C-alpha atoms as a PDB file:
ATOM      1  CA  MET A   1      -2.590  -5.547  13.401  1.00  0.00           C
ATOM      2  CA  LEU A   2      -2.780  -2.932  10.644  1.00  0.00           C
ATOM      3  CA  ASP A   3      -1.550  -0.333  13.151  1.00  0.00           C
ATOM      4  CA  ASP A   4       1.712  -2.312  13.366  1.00  0.00           C
ATOM      5  CA  ILE A   5       1.967  -2.424   9.566  1.00  0.00           C
ATOM      6  CA  ALA A   6       1.308   1.335   9.380  1.00  0.00           C
ATOM      7  CA  ALA A   7       4.070   1.946  11.943  1.00  0.00           C
ATOM      8  CA  ASP A   8       6.477  -0.194   9.913  1.00  0.00           C
ATOM      9  CA  ILE A   9       5.610   1.758   6.749  1.00  0.00           C
ATOM     10  CA  ARG A  10       6.208   5.049   8.587  1.00  0.00           C
ATOM     11  CA  LYS A  11       9.599   3.806   9.766  1.00  0.00           C
ATOM     12  CA  GLY A  12      10.476   2.427   6.321  1.00  0.00           C
ATOM     13  CA  LEU A  13       9.635   5.680   4.565  1.00  0.00           C
ATOM     14  CA  GLY A  14      12.189   7.570   6.616  1.00  0.00           C
ATOM     15  CA  ASP A  15      13.169  10.575   4.515  1.00  0.00           C
ATOM     16  CA  LYS A  16      11.636   9.243   1.286  1.00  0.00           C
ATOM     17  CA  SER A  17       8.752  11.177  -0.170  1.00  0.00           C
ATOM     18  CA  PHE A  18       5.502   9.896  -1.653  1.00  0.00           C
ATOM     19  CA  ASP A  19       3.295  12.292  -3.600  1.00  0.00           C
ATOM     20  CA  GLY A  20      -0.358  11.355  -3.874  1.00  0.00           C
ATOM     21  CA  SER A  21      -2.591   9.129  -1.810  1.00  0.00           C
ATOM     22  CA  LEU A  22      -2.849   5.362  -1.779  1.00  0.00           C
ATOM     23  CA  LYS A  23      -5.084   2.973   0.143  1.00  0.00           C
ATOM     24  CA  PHE A  24      -4.179  -0.602   1.024  1.00  0.00           C
ATOM     25  CA  ASP A  25      -7.653  -2.101   1.468  1.00  0.00           C
ATOM     26  CA  CYS A  26      -7.435  -5.355   3.433  1.00  0.00           C
ATOM     27  CA  GLY A  27     -11.198  -5.914   3.585  1.00  0.00           C
ATOM     28  CA  ALA A  28     -12.555  -6.716   7.039  1.00  0.00           C
ATOM     29  CA  ASP A  29      -9.068  -6.237   8.562  1.00  0.00           C
ATOM     30  CA  GLY A  30      -9.160  -2.521   7.679  1.00  0.00           C
ATOM     31  CA  VAL A  31      -7.106  -0.095   5.634  1.00  0.00           C
ATOM     32  CA  VAL A  32      -3.697   1.541   5.638  1.00  0.00           C
ATOM     33  CA  ILE A  33      -3.585   4.966   3.971  1.00  0.00           C
ATOM     34  CA  LEU A  34      -0.415   6.506   2.572  1.00  0.00           C
ATOM     35  CA  ASP A  35      -1.199  10.174   1.912  1.00  0.00           C
ATOM     36  CA  ASN A  36       1.581  12.567   0.866  1.00  0.00           C
ATOM     37  CA  GLY A  37       4.031  10.979   3.294  1.00  0.00           C
ATOM     38  CA  ALA A  38       1.585  10.506   6.203  1.00  0.00           C
ATOM     39  CA  VAL A  39       0.522   6.968   7.158  1.00  0.00           C
ATOM     40  CA  ARG A  40      -2.725   6.208   8.989  1.00  0.00           C
ATOM     41  CA  THR A  41      -5.406   3.555   9.400  1.00  0.00           C
ATOM     42  CA  GLU A  42      -8.523   5.755   9.203  1.00  0.00           C
ATOM     43  CA  ASP A  43     -10.397   5.221   5.935  1.00  0.00           C
ATOM     44  CA  GLN A  44     -10.585   8.062   3.410  1.00  0.00           C
ATOM     45  CA  ASP A  45     -10.877   8.548  -0.336  1.00  0.00           C
ATOM     46  CA  THR A  46      -7.547   8.198  -2.134  1.00  0.00           C
ATOM     47  CA  ASP A  47      -6.099   8.578  -5.638  1.00  0.00           C
ATOM     48  CA  CYS A  48      -5.495   4.831  -5.888  1.00  0.00           C
ATOM     49  CA  THR A  49      -6.691   1.739  -4.023  1.00  0.00           C
ATOM     50  CA  LEU A  50      -4.943  -1.615  -3.768  1.00  0.00           C
ATOM     51  CA  ARG A  51      -7.204  -4.435  -2.576  1.00  0.00           C
ATOM     52  CA  LEU A  52      -5.287  -7.333  -1.088  1.00  0.00           C
ATOM     53  CA  SER A  53      -5.160  -9.620   1.930  1.00  0.00           C
ATOM     54  CA  THR A  54      -3.293  -8.562   5.047  1.00  0.00           C
ATOM     55  CA  GLU A  55      -0.872 -11.457   4.494  1.00  0.00           C
ATOM     56  CA  ASN A  56      -0.137 -10.319   0.936  1.00  0.00           C
ATOM     57  CA  LEU A  57       0.361  -6.743   2.160  1.00  0.00           C
ATOM     58  CA  LYS A  58       2.991  -7.983   4.616  1.00  0.00           C
ATOM     59  CA  LYS A  59       4.714  -9.963   1.847  1.00  0.00           C
ATOM     60  CA  LEU A  60       4.584  -6.983  -0.516  1.00  0.00           C
ATOM     61  CA  LEU A  61       6.182  -4.655   2.011  1.00  0.00           C
ATOM     62  CA  ARG A  62       8.891  -7.228   2.896  1.00  0.00           C
ATOM     63  CA  GLY A  63       9.773  -7.621  -0.777  1.00  0.00           C
ATOM     64  CA  GLN A  64       8.567 -11.243  -0.805  1.00  0.00           C
ATOM     65  CA  LEU A  65       5.759 -10.543  -3.300  1.00  0.00           C
ATOM     66  CA  ASN A  66       6.453  -9.047  -6.715  1.00  0.00           C
ATOM     67  CA  PRO A  67       3.788  -6.360  -7.305  1.00  0.00           C
ATOM     68  CA  MET A  68       3.423  -6.990 -11.054  1.00  0.00           C
ATOM     69  CA  THR A  69       3.170 -10.757 -10.615  1.00  0.00           C
ATOM     70  CA  ALA A  70       0.674 -10.305  -7.775  1.00  0.00           C
ATOM     71  CA  VAL A  71      -1.548  -8.119  -9.971  1.00  0.00           C
ATOM     72  CA  MET A  72      -1.402 -10.630 -12.825  1.00  0.00           C
ATOM     73  CA  MET A  73      -2.271 -13.489 -10.442  1.00  0.00           C
ATOM     74  CA  GLY A  74      -5.194 -11.541  -8.950  1.00  0.00           C
ATOM     75  CA  LYS A  75      -3.600 -11.254  -5.495  1.00  0.00           C
ATOM     76  CA  ILE A  76      -3.761  -7.455  -5.792  1.00  0.00           C
ATOM     77  CA  LYS A  77      -6.561  -5.513  -7.457  1.00  0.00           C
ATOM     78  CA  ILE A  78      -5.829  -1.898  -8.394  1.00  0.00           C
ATOM     79  CA  SER A  79      -8.390   0.839  -8.944  1.00  0.00           C
ATOM     80  CA  GLY A  80      -7.870   4.543  -9.510  1.00  0.00           C
ATOM     81  CA  ASP A  81      -4.734   6.340 -10.645  1.00  0.00           C
ATOM     82  CA  MET A  82      -2.198   3.817 -11.953  1.00  0.00           C
ATOM     83  CA  GLY A  83       0.516   6.487 -11.802  1.00  0.00           C
ATOM     84  CA  VAL A  84       0.250   6.512  -8.008  1.00  0.00           C
ATOM     85  CA  ALA A  85       0.521   2.707  -7.947  1.00  0.00           C
ATOM     86  CA  MET A  86       3.678   2.949 -10.070  1.00  0.00           C
ATOM     87  CA  LYS A  87       5.201   5.418  -7.569  1.00  0.00           C
ATOM     88  CA  LEU A  88       4.679   2.806  -4.851  1.00  0.00           C
ATOM     89  CA  GLY A  89       6.566   0.256  -6.953  1.00  0.00           C
ATOM     90  CA  LYS A  90       9.564   2.607  -7.119  1.00  0.00           C
ATOM     91  CA  LEU A  91       9.335   3.274  -3.394  1.00  0.00           C
ATOM     92  CA  ILE A  92       9.355  -0.357  -2.290  1.00  0.00           C
ATOM     93  CA  GLY A  93      11.333  -1.729  -5.243  1.00  0.00           C
END
């Protein structure tokens, strides 16, 4: 399932750039890593980690979940470099 999400992220990035590394940690479902423009599902250390459910990741990427509201409601937990998380907001915003 996360392989499909990773493929959608790859397609959505197109020619956009993303500096830094970010992990979407979906617990037992696995991870999606965005690392300097590459997207993969093998776990690695990253600059920033977003912990959220797979369902909330789908909503976030579709624009159906406001990132700031989700953080305030506890649907997304952020650890690491907040600057990298802010870059994601600009990318999907």
